PDB file of N, CA and C in Angstrom:
ATOM      1  N   MET A   1     -32.809  76.554  18.895  1.00  0.00           N
ATOM      2  CA  MET A   1     -31.672  76.016  19.604  1.00  0.00           C
ATOM      3  C   MET A   1     -30.597  75.544  18.641  1.00  0.00           C
ATOM      4  N   PHE A   2     -30.978  74.799  17.638  1.00  0.00           N
ATOM      5  CA  PHE A   2     -29.999  74.209  16.721  1.00  0.00           C
ATOM      6  C   PHE A   2     -30.441  74.507  15.296  1.00  0.00           C
ATOM      7  N   ARG A   3     -29.535  75.095  14.511  1.00  0.00           N
ATOM      8  CA  ARG A   3     -29.841  75.343  13.101  1.00  0.00           C
ATOM      9  C   ARG A   3     -28.684  74.867  12.240  1.00  0.00           C
ATOM     10  N   ALA A   4     -29.015  74.167  11.192  1.00  0.00           N
ATOM     11  CA  ALA A   4     -27.998  73.691  10.266  1.00  0.00           C
ATOM     12  C   ALA A   4     -27.515  74.849   9.394  1.00  0.00           C
ATOM     13  N   MET A   5     -26.273  74.768   8.975  1.00  0.00           N
ATOM     14  CA  MET A   5     -25.740  75.789   8.065  1.00  0.00           C
ATOM     15  C   MET A   5     -26.408  75.663   6.708  1.00  0.00           C
ATOM     16  N   THR A   6     -26.621  76.768   6.049  1.00  0.00           N
ATOM     17  CA  THR A   6     -27.159  76.747   4.696  1.00  0.00           C
ATOM     18  C   THR A   6     -25.998  76.662   3.722  1.00  0.00           C
ATOM     19  N   LEU A   7     -25.985  75.611   2.935  1.00  0.00           N
ATOM     20  CA  LEU A   7     -24.932  75.385   1.948  1.00  0.00           C
ATOM     21  C   LEU A   7     -25.456  75.690   0.552  1.00  0.00           C
ATOM     22  N   PRO A   8     -24.558  75.987  -0.382  1.00  0.00           N
ATOM     23  CA  PRO A   8     -24.987  76.143  -1.776  1.00  0.00           C
ATOM     24  C   PRO A   8     -25.647  74.847  -2.247  1.00  0.00           C
ATOM     25  N   VAL A   9     -26.593  74.957  -3.146  1.00  0.00           N
ATOM     26  CA  VAL A   9     -27.339  73.791  -3.629  1.00  0.00           C
ATOM     27  C   VAL A   9     -26.401  72.694  -4.116  1.00  0.00           C
ATOM     28  N   SER A  10     -25.321  73.055  -4.770  1.00  0.00           N
ATOM     29  CA  SER A  10     -24.396  72.056  -5.301  1.00  0.00           C
ATOM     30  C   SER A  10     -23.700  71.239  -4.206  1.00  0.00           C
ATOM     31  N   GLU A  11     -23.679  71.750  -2.975  1.00  0.00           N
ATOM     32  CA  GLU A  11     -23.012  71.059  -1.859  1.00  0.00           C
ATOM     33  C   GLU A  11     -23.987  70.369  -0.906  1.00  0.00           C
ATOM     34  N   GLN A  12     -25.285  70.544  -1.130  1.00  0.00           N
ATOM     35  CA  GLN A  12     -26.273  69.959  -0.224  1.00  0.00           C
ATOM     36  C   GLN A  12     -26.416  68.461  -0.458  1.00  0.00           C
ATOM     37  N   ARG A  13     -26.614  67.735   0.627  1.00  0.00           N
ATOM     38  CA  ARG A  13     -26.810  66.298   0.561  1.00  0.00           C
ATOM     39  C   ARG A  13     -28.254  65.975   0.232  1.00  0.00           C
ATOM     40  N   THR A  14     -28.478  64.777  -0.228  1.00  0.00           N
ATOM     41  CA  THR A  14     -29.813  64.302  -0.592  1.00  0.00           C
ATOM     42  C   THR A  14     -30.731  64.257   0.626  1.00  0.00           C
ATOM     43  N   VAL A  15     -31.953  64.726   0.449  1.00  0.00           N
ATOM     44  CA  VAL A  15     -32.937  64.681   1.533  1.00  0.00           C
ATOM     45  C   VAL A  15     -33.563  63.287   1.566  1.00  0.00           C
ATOM     46  N   VAL A  16     -33.623  62.692   2.768  1.00  0.00           N
ATOM     47  CA  VAL A  16     -34.200  61.358   2.959  1.00  0.00           C
ATOM     48  C   VAL A  16     -35.191  61.399   4.108  1.00  0.00           C
ATOM     49  N   GLU A  17     -35.977  60.344   4.208  1.00  0.00           N
ATOM     50  CA  GLU A  17     -36.931  60.186   5.309  1.00  0.00           C
ATOM     51  C   GLU A  17     -36.387  59.177   6.311  1.00  0.00           C
ATOM     52  N   ILE A  18     -36.510  59.503   7.596  1.00  0.00           N
ATOM     53  CA  ILE A  18     -36.295  58.530   8.651  1.00  0.00           C
ATOM     54  C   ILE A  18     -37.550  58.562   9.522  1.00  0.00           C
ATOM     55  N   PHE A  19     -37.701  57.611  10.397  1.00  0.00           N
ATOM     56  CA  PHE A  19     -38.906  57.551  11.222  1.00  0.00           C
ATOM     57  C   PHE A  19     -38.502  57.479  12.687  1.00  0.00           C
ATOM     58  N   VAL A  20     -39.015  58.419  13.465  1.00  0.00           N
ATOM     59  CA  VAL A  20     -38.734  58.490  14.884  1.00  0.00           C
ATOM     60  C   VAL A  20     -40.018  58.235  15.639  1.00  0.00           C
ATOM     61  N   GLU A  21     -40.061  57.103  16.355  1.00  0.00           N
ATOM     62  CA  GLU A  21     -41.280  56.707  17.052  1.00  0.00           C
ATOM     63  C   GLU A  21     -42.471  56.686  16.093  1.00  0.00           C
ATOM     64  N   GLY A  22     -42.215  56.287  14.844  1.00  0.00           N
ATOM     65  CA  GLY A  22     -43.254  56.182  13.836  1.00  0.00           C
ATOM     66  C   GLY A  22     -43.561  57.487  13.113  1.00  0.00           C
ATOM     67  N   ARG A  23     -42.966  58.594  13.578  1.00  0.00           N
ATOM     68  CA  ARG A  23     -43.205  59.896  12.958  1.00  0.00           C
ATOM     69  C   ARG A  23     -42.165  60.135  11.851  1.00  0.00           C
ATOM     70  N   ARG A  24     -42.634  60.604  10.702  1.00  0.00           N
ATOM     71  CA  ARG A  24     -41.750  60.884   9.572  1.00  0.00           C
ATOM     72  C   ARG A  24     -40.900  62.114   9.884  1.00  0.00           C
ATOM     73  N   VAL A  25     -39.589  61.985   9.705  1.00  0.00           N
ATOM     74  CA  VAL A  25     -38.658  63.086   9.913  1.00  0.00           C
ATOM     75  C   VAL A  25     -37.782  63.209   8.677  1.00  0.00           C
ATOM     76  N   VAL A  26     -37.596  64.416   8.203  1.00  0.00           N
ATOM     77  CA  VAL A  26     -36.763  64.664   7.031  1.00  0.00           C
ATOM     78  C   VAL A  26     -35.350  64.967   7.501  1.00  0.00           C
ATOM     79  N   ALA A  27     -34.373  64.351   6.848  1.00  0.00           N
ATOM     80  CA  ALA A  27     -32.964  64.540   7.209  1.00  0.00           C
ATOM     81  C   ALA A  27     -32.125  64.569   5.939  1.00  0.00           C
ATOM     82  N   ARG A  28     -30.863  64.891   6.094  1.00  0.00           N
ATOM     83  CA  ARG A  28     -29.936  64.880   4.978  1.00  0.00           C
ATOM     84  C   ARG A  28     -29.080  63.611   5.084  1.00  0.00           C
ATOM     85  N   GLU A  29     -29.057  62.847   4.017  1.00  0.00           N
ATOM     86  CA  GLU A  29     -28.284  61.597   4.002  1.00  0.00           C
ATOM     87  C   GLU A  29     -26.824  61.885   4.353  1.00  0.00           C
ATOM     88  N   GLY A  30     -26.279  61.103   5.264  1.00  0.00           N
ATOM     89  CA  GLY A  30     -24.886  61.234   5.642  1.00  0.00           C
ATOM     90  C   GLY A  30     -24.633  62.107   6.861  1.00  0.00           C
ATOM     91  N   GLU A  31     -25.596  62.959   7.270  1.00  0.00           N
ATOM     92  CA  GLU A  31     -25.376  63.737   8.481  1.00  0.00           C
ATOM     93  C   GLU A  31     -25.529  62.809   9.669  1.00  0.00           C
ATOM     94  N   THR A  32     -25.037  63.216  10.829  1.00  0.00           N
ATOM     95  CA  THR A  32     -25.176  62.332  11.984  1.00  0.00           C
ATOM     96  C   THR A  32     -26.645  62.267  12.386  1.00  0.00           C
ATOM     97  N   LEU A  33     -27.022  61.149  12.949  1.00  0.00           N
ATOM     98  CA  LEU A  33     -28.395  60.978  13.397  1.00  0.00           C
ATOM     99  C   LEU A  33     -28.714  62.001  14.492  1.00  0.00           C
ATOM    100  N   ALA A  34     -27.760  62.268  15.381  1.00  0.00           N
ATOM    101  CA  ALA A  34     -27.971  63.240  16.441  1.00  0.00           C
ATOM    102  C   ALA A  34     -28.282  64.620  15.852  1.00  0.00           C
ATOM    103  N   ALA A  35     -27.533  65.037  14.846  1.00  0.00           N
ATOM    104  CA  ALA A  35     -27.788  66.338  14.200  1.00  0.00           C
ATOM    105  C   ALA A  35     -29.161  66.353  13.561  1.00  0.00           C
ATOM    106  N   ALA A  36     -29.526  65.265  12.894  1.00  0.00           N
ATOM    107  CA  ALA A  36     -30.840  65.208  12.243  1.00  0.00           C
ATOM    108  C   ALA A  36     -31.963  65.293  13.263  1.00  0.00           C
ATOM    109  N   LEU A  37     -31.820  64.607  14.400  1.00  0.00           N
ATOM    110  CA  LEU A  37     -32.840  64.642  15.435  1.00  0.00           C
ATOM    111  C   LEU A  37     -32.943  66.024  16.053  1.00  0.00           C
ATOM    112  N   LEU A  38     -31.811  66.629  16.367  1.00  0.00           N
ATOM    113  CA  LEU A  38     -31.823  67.992  16.922  1.00  0.00           C
ATOM    114  C   LEU A  38     -32.444  68.986  15.945  1.00  0.00           C
ATOM    115  N   ASN A  39     -32.096  68.839  14.673  1.00  0.00           N
ATOM    116  CA  ASN A  39     -32.621  69.740  13.649  1.00  0.00           C
ATOM    117  C   ASN A  39     -34.134  69.588  13.474  1.00  0.00           C
ATOM    118  N   SER A  40     -34.669  68.456  13.882  1.00  0.00           N
ATOM    119  CA  SER A  40     -36.104  68.179  13.775  1.00  0.00           C
ATOM    120  C   SER A  40     -36.815  68.340  15.122  1.00  0.00           C
ATOM    121  N   ASP A  41     -36.137  68.973  16.082  1.00  0.00           N
ATOM    122  CA  ASP A  41     -36.707  69.215  17.415  1.00  0.00           C
ATOM    123  C   ASP A  41     -37.095  67.952  18.170  1.00  0.00           C
ATOM    124  N   VAL A  42     -36.348  66.870  17.949  1.00  0.00           N
ATOM    125  CA  VAL A  42     -36.587  65.636  18.701  1.00  0.00           C
ATOM    126  C   VAL A  42     -35.706  65.674  19.948  1.00  0.00           C
ATOM    127  N   VAL A  43     -36.296  66.023  21.072  1.00  0.00           N
ATOM    128  CA  VAL A  43     -35.599  66.086  22.352  1.00  0.00           C
ATOM    129  C   VAL A  43     -36.642  65.768  23.416  1.00  0.00           C
ATOM    130  N   PRO A  44     -36.365  64.933  24.372  1.00  0.00           N
ATOM    131  CA  PRO A  44     -35.093  64.275  24.686  1.00  0.00           C
ATOM    132  C   PRO A  44     -34.842  63.071  23.775  1.00  0.00           C
ATOM    133  N   PHE A  45     -33.624  62.593  23.834  1.00  0.00           N
ATOM    134  CA  PHE A  45     -33.235  61.410  23.051  1.00  0.00           C
ATOM    135  C   PHE A  45     -33.500  60.114  23.811  1.00  0.00           C
ATOM    136  N   ARG A  46     -33.510  60.168  25.129  1.00  0.00           N
ATOM    137  CA  ARG A  46     -33.734  58.987  25.942  1.00  0.00           C
ATOM    138  C   ARG A  46     -34.156  59.395  27.347  1.00  0.00           C
ATOM    139  N   TYR A  47     -34.588  58.410  28.125  1.00  0.00           N
ATOM    140  CA  TYR A  47     -34.919  58.610  29.533  1.00  0.00           C
ATOM    141  C   TYR A  47     -34.075  57.625  30.335  1.00  0.00           C
ATOM    142  N   THR A  48     -33.479  58.086  31.405  1.00  0.00           N
ATOM    143  CA  THR A  48     -32.551  57.239  32.179  1.00  0.00           C
ATOM    144  C   THR A  48     -33.259  56.062  32.838  1.00  0.00           C
ATOM    145  N   PRO A  49     -32.528  54.943  33.003  1.00  0.00           N
ATOM    146  CA  PRO A  49     -33.123  53.723  33.582  1.00  0.00           C
ATOM    147  C   PRO A  49     -33.558  53.877  35.041  1.00  0.00           C
ATOM    148  N   VAL A  50     -32.814  54.577  35.849  1.00  0.00           N
ATOM    149  CA  VAL A  50     -33.107  54.640  37.278  1.00  0.00           C
ATOM    150  C   VAL A  50     -34.124  55.719  37.624  1.00  0.00           C
ATOM    151  N   SER A  51     -33.862  56.959  37.226  1.00  0.00           N
ATOM    152  CA  SER A  51     -34.750  58.074  37.625  1.00  0.00           C
ATOM    153  C   SER A  51     -35.783  58.435  36.571  1.00  0.00           C
ATOM    154  N   GLY A  52     -35.570  57.987  35.332  1.00  0.00           N
ATOM    155  CA  GLY A  52     -36.492  58.350  34.256  1.00  0.00           C
ATOM    156  C   GLY A  52     -36.296  59.763  33.751  1.00  0.00           C
ATOM    157  N   LYS A  53     -35.194  60.402  34.104  1.00  0.00           N
ATOM    158  CA  LYS A  53     -34.922  61.781  33.679  1.00  0.00           C
ATOM    159  C   LYS A  53     -34.609  61.828  32.174  1.00  0.00           C
ATOM    160  N   PRO A  54     -35.059  62.880  31.500  1.00  0.00           N
ATOM    161  CA  PRO A  54     -34.773  63.037  30.078  1.00  0.00           C
ATOM    162  C   PRO A  54     -33.311  63.411  29.835  1.00  0.00           C
ATOM    163  N   ARG A  55     -32.752  62.907  28.744  1.00  0.00           N
ATOM    164  CA  ARG A  55     -31.358  63.196  28.384  1.00  0.00           C
ATOM    165  C   ARG A  55     -31.312  63.617  26.925  1.00  0.00           C
ATOM    166  N   ALA A  56     -30.297  64.403  26.595  1.00  0.00           N
ATOM    167  CA  ALA A  56     -30.054  64.872  25.222  1.00  0.00           C
ATOM    168  C   ALA A  56     -28.555  64.919  25.015  1.00  0.00           C
ATOM    169  N   PRO A  57     -28.113  65.015  23.755  1.00  0.00           N
ATOM    170  CA  PRO A  57     -26.678  65.022  23.472  1.00  0.00           C
ATOM    171  C   PRO A  57     -25.944  66.131  24.209  1.00  0.00           C
ATOM    172  N   LEU A  58     -24.735  65.804  24.627  1.00  0.00           N
ATOM    173  CA  LEU A  58     -23.885  66.782  25.299  1.00  0.00           C
ATOM    174  C   LEU A  58     -22.636  67.063  24.483  1.00  0.00           C
ATOM    175  N   CYS A  59     -21.893  66.017  24.163  1.00  0.00           N
ATOM    176  CA  CYS A  59     -20.592  66.231  23.507  1.00  0.00           C
ATOM    177  C   CYS A  59     -20.647  66.149  21.988  1.00  0.00           C
ATOM    178  N   LEU A  60     -21.550  65.360  21.447  1.00  0.00           N
ATOM    179  CA  LEU A  60     -21.676  65.122  19.992  1.00  0.00           C
ATOM    180  C   LEU A  60     -20.415  64.566  19.346  1.00  0.00           C
ATOM    181  N   MET A  61     -19.612  63.840  20.156  1.00  0.00           N
ATOM    182  CA  MET A  61     -18.414  63.208  19.597  1.00  0.00           C
ATOM    183  C   MET A  61     -18.147  61.821  20.168  1.00  0.00           C
ATOM    184  N   GLY A  62     -19.171  61.201  20.764  1.00  0.00           N
ATOM    185  CA  GLY A  62     -19.052  59.819  21.196  1.00  0.00           C
ATOM    186  C   GLY A  62     -18.477  59.591  22.568  1.00  0.00           C
ATOM    187  N   VAL A  63     -18.353  60.615  23.401  1.00  0.00           N
ATOM    188  CA  VAL A  63     -17.742  60.460  24.722  1.00  0.00           C
ATOM    189  C   VAL A  63     -18.791  60.323  25.832  1.00  0.00           C
ATOM    190  N   CYS A  64     -19.886  61.068  25.767  1.00  0.00           N
ATOM    191  CA  CYS A  64     -20.781  61.180  26.924  1.00  0.00           C
ATOM    192  C   CYS A  64     -21.891  60.120  26.993  1.00  0.00           C
ATOM    193  N   PHE A  65     -22.281  59.519  25.897  1.00  0.00           N
ATOM    194  CA  PHE A  65     -23.326  58.490  25.852  1.00  0.00           C
ATOM    195  C   PHE A  65     -24.720  59.013  26.223  1.00  0.00           C
ATOM    196  N   ASP A  66     -24.934  60.314  26.174  1.00  0.00           N
ATOM    197  CA  ASP A  66     -26.247  60.881  26.471  1.00  0.00           C
ATOM    198  C   ASP A  66     -27.159  60.864  25.237  1.00  0.00           C
ATOM    199  N   CYS A  67     -26.654  60.510  24.089  1.00  0.00           N
ATOM    200  CA  CYS A  67     -27.450  60.520  22.860  1.00  0.00           C
ATOM    201  C   CYS A  67     -27.905  59.126  22.430  1.00  0.00           C
ATOM    202  N   LEU A  68     -27.916  58.173  23.363  1.00  0.00           N
ATOM    203  CA  LEU A  68     -28.287  56.789  23.026  1.00  0.00           C
ATOM    204  C   LEU A  68     -29.719  56.687  22.541  1.00  0.00           C
ATOM    205  N   VAL A  69     -29.921  55.995  21.444  1.00  0.00           N
ATOM    206  CA  VAL A  69     -31.244  55.720  20.892  1.00  0.00           C
ATOM    207  C   VAL A  69     -31.264  54.280  20.384  1.00  0.00           C
ATOM    208  N   GLU A  70     -32.421  53.833  19.942  1.00  0.00           N
ATOM    209  CA  GLU A  70     -32.535  52.527  19.301  1.00  0.00           C
ATOM    210  C   GLU A  70     -32.669  52.785  17.810  1.00  0.00           C
ATOM    211  N   VAL A  71     -31.844  52.107  17.004  1.00  0.00           N
ATOM    212  CA  VAL A  71     -31.864  52.290  15.547  1.00  0.00           C
ATOM    213  C   VAL A  71     -32.079  50.943  14.894  1.00  0.00           C
ATOM    214  N   ASP A  72     -33.145  50.823  14.141  1.00  0.00           N
ATOM    215  CA  ASP A  72     -33.470  49.601  13.415  1.00  0.00           C
ATOM    216  C   ASP A  72     -33.368  48.355  14.317  1.00  0.00           C
ATOM    217  N   GLY A  73     -33.852  48.499  15.559  1.00  0.00           N
ATOM    218  CA  GLY A  73     -33.866  47.386  16.504  1.00  0.00           C
ATOM    219  C   GLY A  73     -32.613  47.220  17.338  1.00  0.00           C
ATOM    220  N   ALA A  74     -31.525  47.906  16.984  1.00  0.00           N
ATOM    221  CA  ALA A  74     -30.290  47.834  17.769  1.00  0.00           C
ATOM    222  C   ALA A  74     -30.365  48.858  18.904  1.00  0.00           C
ATOM    223  N   GLN A  75     -30.233  48.382  20.150  1.00  0.00           N
ATOM    224  CA  GLN A  75     -30.336  49.257  21.312  1.00  0.00           C
ATOM    225  C   GLN A  75     -29.014  49.936  21.630  1.00  0.00           C
ATOM    226  N   ASN A  76     -29.110  51.042  22.390  1.00  0.00           N
ATOM    227  CA  ASN A  76     -27.942  51.777  22.891  1.00  0.00           C
ATOM    228  C   ASN A  76     -26.976  52.193  21.784  1.00  0.00           C
ATOM    229  N   VAL A  77     -27.501  52.766  20.734  1.00  0.00           N
ATOM    230  CA  VAL A  77     -26.700  53.266  19.616  1.00  0.00           C
ATOM    231  C   VAL A  77     -26.400  54.745  19.889  1.00  0.00           C
ATOM    232  N   GLN A  78     -25.134  55.113  19.810  1.00  0.00           N
ATOM    233  CA  GLN A  78     -24.771  56.515  19.958  1.00  0.00           C
ATOM    234  C   GLN A  78     -25.149  57.256  18.685  1.00  0.00           C
ATOM    235  N   SER A  79     -26.181  58.070  18.771  1.00  0.00           N
ATOM    236  CA  SER A  79     -26.685  58.744  17.566  1.00  0.00           C
ATOM    237  C   SER A  79     -25.699  59.736  16.972  1.00  0.00           C
ATOM    238  N   CYS A  80     -24.757  60.206  17.771  1.00  0.00           N
ATOM    239  CA  CYS A  80     -23.757  61.142  17.238  1.00  0.00           C
ATOM    240  C   CYS A  80     -22.684  60.440  16.412  1.00  0.00           C
ATOM    241  N   MET A  81     -22.656  59.117  16.464  1.00  0.00           N
ATOM    242  CA  MET A  81     -21.647  58.346  15.744  1.00  0.00           C
ATOM    243  C   MET A  81     -22.218  57.582  14.553  1.00  0.00           C
ATOM    244  N   VAL A  82     -23.505  57.783  14.270  1.00  0.00           N
ATOM    245  CA  VAL A  82     -24.185  57.060  13.188  1.00  0.00           C
ATOM    246  C   VAL A  82     -24.627  58.041  12.119  1.00  0.00           C
ATOM    247  N   ARG A  83     -24.422  57.683  10.871  1.00  0.00           N
ATOM    248  CA  ARG A  83     -24.849  58.523   9.754  1.00  0.00           C
ATOM    249  C   ARG A  83     -26.268  58.149   9.331  1.00  0.00           C
ATOM    250  N   VAL A  84     -27.035  59.155   8.974  1.00  0.00           N
ATOM    251  CA  VAL A  84     -28.422  58.948   8.547  1.00  0.00           C
ATOM    252  C   VAL A  84     -28.466  58.167   7.246  1.00  0.00           C
ATOM    253  N   GLU A  85     -29.372  57.213   7.185  1.00  0.00           N
ATOM    254  CA  GLU A  85     -29.661  56.468   5.963  1.00  0.00           C
ATOM    255  C   GLU A  85     -31.165  56.476   5.767  1.00  0.00           C
ATOM    256  N   ALA A  86     -31.603  56.491   4.544  1.00  0.00           N
ATOM    257  CA  ALA A  86     -33.029  56.514   4.237  1.00  0.00           C
ATOM    258  C   ALA A  86     -33.744  55.347   4.905  1.00  0.00           C
ATOM    259  N   GLY A  87     -34.904  55.633   5.490  1.00  0.00           N
ATOM    260  CA  GLY A  87     -35.733  54.588   6.057  1.00  0.00           C
ATOM    261  C   GLY A  87     -35.392  54.132   7.470  1.00  0.00           C
ATOM    262  N   MET A  88     -34.391  54.744   8.090  1.00  0.00           N
ATOM    263  CA  MET A  88     -34.039  54.362   9.469  1.00  0.00           C
ATOM    264  C   MET A  88     -35.249  54.426  10.382  1.00  0.00           C
ATOM    265  N   GLN A  89     -35.336  53.449  11.280  1.00  0.00           N
ATOM    266  CA  GLN A  89     -36.398  53.423  12.284  1.00  0.00           C
ATOM    267  C   GLN A  89     -35.730  53.725  13.628  1.00  0.00           C
ATOM    268  N   VAL A  90     -36.090  54.839  14.232  1.00  0.00           N
ATOM    269  CA  VAL A  90     -35.467  55.281  15.475  1.00  0.00           C
ATOM    270  C   VAL A  90     -36.512  55.256  16.598  1.00  0.00           C
ATOM    271  N   LYS A  91     -36.112  54.710  17.747  1.00  0.00           N
ATOM    272  CA  LYS A  91     -36.983  54.710  18.918  1.00  0.00           C
ATOM    273  C   LYS A  91     -36.250  55.395  20.080  1.00  0.00           C
ATOM    274  N   ILE A  92     -37.003  56.075  20.906  1.00  0.00           N
ATOM    275  CA  ILE A  92     -36.470  56.764  22.085  1.00  0.00           C
ATOM    276  C   ILE A  92     -36.527  55.791  23.266  1.00  0.00           C
ATOM    277  N   PRO A  93     -35.366  55.414  23.842  1.00  0.00           N
ATOM    278  CA  PRO A  93     -35.354  54.488  24.974  1.00  0.00           C
ATOM    279  C   PRO A  93     -36.003  55.083  26.220  1.00  0.00           C
ATOM    280  N   ARG A  94     -36.784  54.274  26.873  1.00  0.00           N
ATOM    281  CA  ARG A  94     -37.417  54.664  28.149  1.00  0.00           C
ATOM    282  C   ARG A  94     -37.056  53.599  29.163  1.00  0.00           C
ATOM    283  N   GLY A  95     -36.081  53.919  30.028  1.00  0.00           N
ATOM    284  CA  GLY A  95     -35.660  52.955  31.037  1.00  0.00           C
ATOM    285  C   GLY A  95     -34.530  52.067  30.567  1.00  0.00           C
ATOM    286  N   ALA A  96     -34.420  50.926  31.244  1.00  0.00           N
ATOM    287  CA  ALA A  96     -33.302  50.003  30.999  1.00  0.00           C
ATOM    288  C   ALA A  96     -33.473  49.256  29.683  1.00  0.00           C
ATOM    289  N   ARG A  97     -32.367  48.814  29.176  1.00  0.00           N
ATOM    290  CA  ARG A  97     -32.338  47.995  27.956  1.00  0.00           C
ATOM    291  C   ARG A  97     -33.131  46.717  28.168  1.00  0.00           C
ATOM    292  N   ARG A  98     -33.772  46.238  27.140  1.00  0.00           N
ATOM    293  CA  ARG A  98     -34.562  45.002  27.234  1.00  0.00           C
ATOM    294  C   ARG A  98     -33.650  43.789  27.103  1.00  0.00           C
ATOM    295  N   ALA A  99     -33.696  42.892  28.055  1.00  0.00           N
ATOM    296  CA  ALA A  99     -32.868  41.687  28.039  1.00  0.00           C
ATOM    297  C   ALA A  99     -33.308  40.786  26.895  1.00  0.00           C
ATOM    298  N   GLY A 100     -32.338  40.144  26.269  1.00  0.00           N
ATOM    299  CA  GLY A 100     -32.651  39.216  25.189  1.00  0.00           C
ATOM    300  C   GLY A 100     -32.816  39.889  23.843  1.00  0.00           C
ATOM    301  N   ASP A 101     -32.772  41.206  23.773  1.00  0.00           N
ATOM    302  CA  ASP A 101     -32.928  41.930  22.515  1.00  0.00           C
ATOM    303  C   ASP A 101     -31.578  42.453  22.026  1.00  0.00           C
ATOM    304  N   VAL A 102     -30.574  41.643  22.039  1.00  0.00           N
ATOM    305  CA  VAL A 102     -29.226  42.062  21.657  1.00  0.00           C
ATOM    306  C   VAL A 102     -29.048  41.888  20.160  1.00  0.00           C
ATOM    307  N   LYS A 103     -28.557  42.929  19.504  1.00  0.00           N
ATOM    308  CA  LYS A 103     -28.255  42.844  18.058  1.00  0.00           C
ATOM    309  C   LYS A 103     -26.825  43.191  17.848  1.00  0.00           C
TER     310      LYS A 103
END
């Protein structure tokens, strides 16, 4: 479904590890988190609060809010607007946001 472009070695970004639901995922530092997750076959990104339906990125430019994930404890983060950093802890939201867990 999604494949990253192959760049010359001199233009490739550093490979880093992030963790999605505790699973090690390899990504390129500086790419968007949404791209890294798609490239690693992490789909869906979240489940809706009311119906529990799975959702995945639609626009990849911060308009649709379908790519919301939890990053390092911060809820409702648009993964298409965040750059990958080594060691990120990503969780897939299931249902409504937890009250009192505001960062």
